Amino acid sequence: MDFRQLETFVAISKFKSFSKAADYLYLTQPTISSHLQNLENELNTILVNRSNKNITLTKAGEIFHLHALEIINKREIALFSLDSFKGKIEGTLEIACSTIPEQYILPDLISSFNKSHPDVRFRLFHYDSQQVIDGILNSEIDFGFVGAKDEVRQLNYIDIMEDSLVFIAPCTDYYLSMKYITLEEVIKEKIILREKGSGTRKIFEKLLESTLINIDKLNVVACLENTEAIKQCVRKGLGITLISEMAVEDEVRFNLVKKLKLENKEILRNFYFVYHKSKTLSPLAETFKNYMLNNKKLSR
């Protein structure tokens, strides 16, 4: 058993794909398959189900996965201790984040962290909020940034920033005369939604629940994951949408979209840094987590 085999197994578990694991580790797919096969031969058990389209871990694989992570982290702790002794912190930091944190929070944050640790490289993975939470619970992700909070006892959430949500509409004569919009008016409009699992969509659904309106009753013309695509669709007149105010500051400033606040109600949400309470992190990930704990509240 060597570290390349363990890293291969962990990557396959993380990405549920041999080809994505190969890209991630900069190896060929035959090499990935060979590493896994050699590991399974040495352990005399099957770790990965290959019988269907979706790659999943066997029960033995699920058990061994935790040990593989621990072994890899132990190695990194040893190397990190030596590097720290030499006054050097380096490596690649993997950060999972939902759309708005990825585009509007992470750039400043990782730039600031990099000033203190110039030898650290960053790799960002884009997920919606629910995928980040599920990934942490499944030990596929160390930590992440989300715009929605699920009350799960295994997780810790650090409140890092408050955000305001607004509706945006095309800059037509009809909307230009408006400053506010009511929920009754919203439900009569063509609506552009974020994908299921996104923090923004969850807030919109809760907003509708307060008026006993099911989201399935709305005139939904599109469900999109990309914030930029959503803004472009609004500009072209496809419909209106609920969106982070910080994501449309430039568009509002240059009159590319019309910002409409919900009448008699301010829609606020927080962004969180989320991590597992009991999972052992790699030394570099632990350094970043401690950095976040010491810089809990960010300013816009």
Foldseek 3Di string as FASTA:
>chain_A
DDLVLLLLLLLCQLPQDLCRSCVVVVHDSVVSVVSPVVVCVVVVHHFWDPPDPTIDGDPVVLVVNQVSVVVVLVVLQVVQVVCVVVVADADEDEEEEEDCCVPPPVVVVVVVVCVVHVRYHYDYDYDAQQVQVVCQVSVSDFWYKAFDDDPDPQKDKFFAEKWWKWKKAALDPVPVVAAADEPVRQQVWAEEAEDPRHNQRVLVQVVCVVVPDHPVSGNYPYYYRHPVVVLVCRLVGVIMYMDTPVSCPPCCVVVSIHTHHHPPDIGMTTMIIMGGPDDDDRPVVVVVVVVCVVNRYDDD
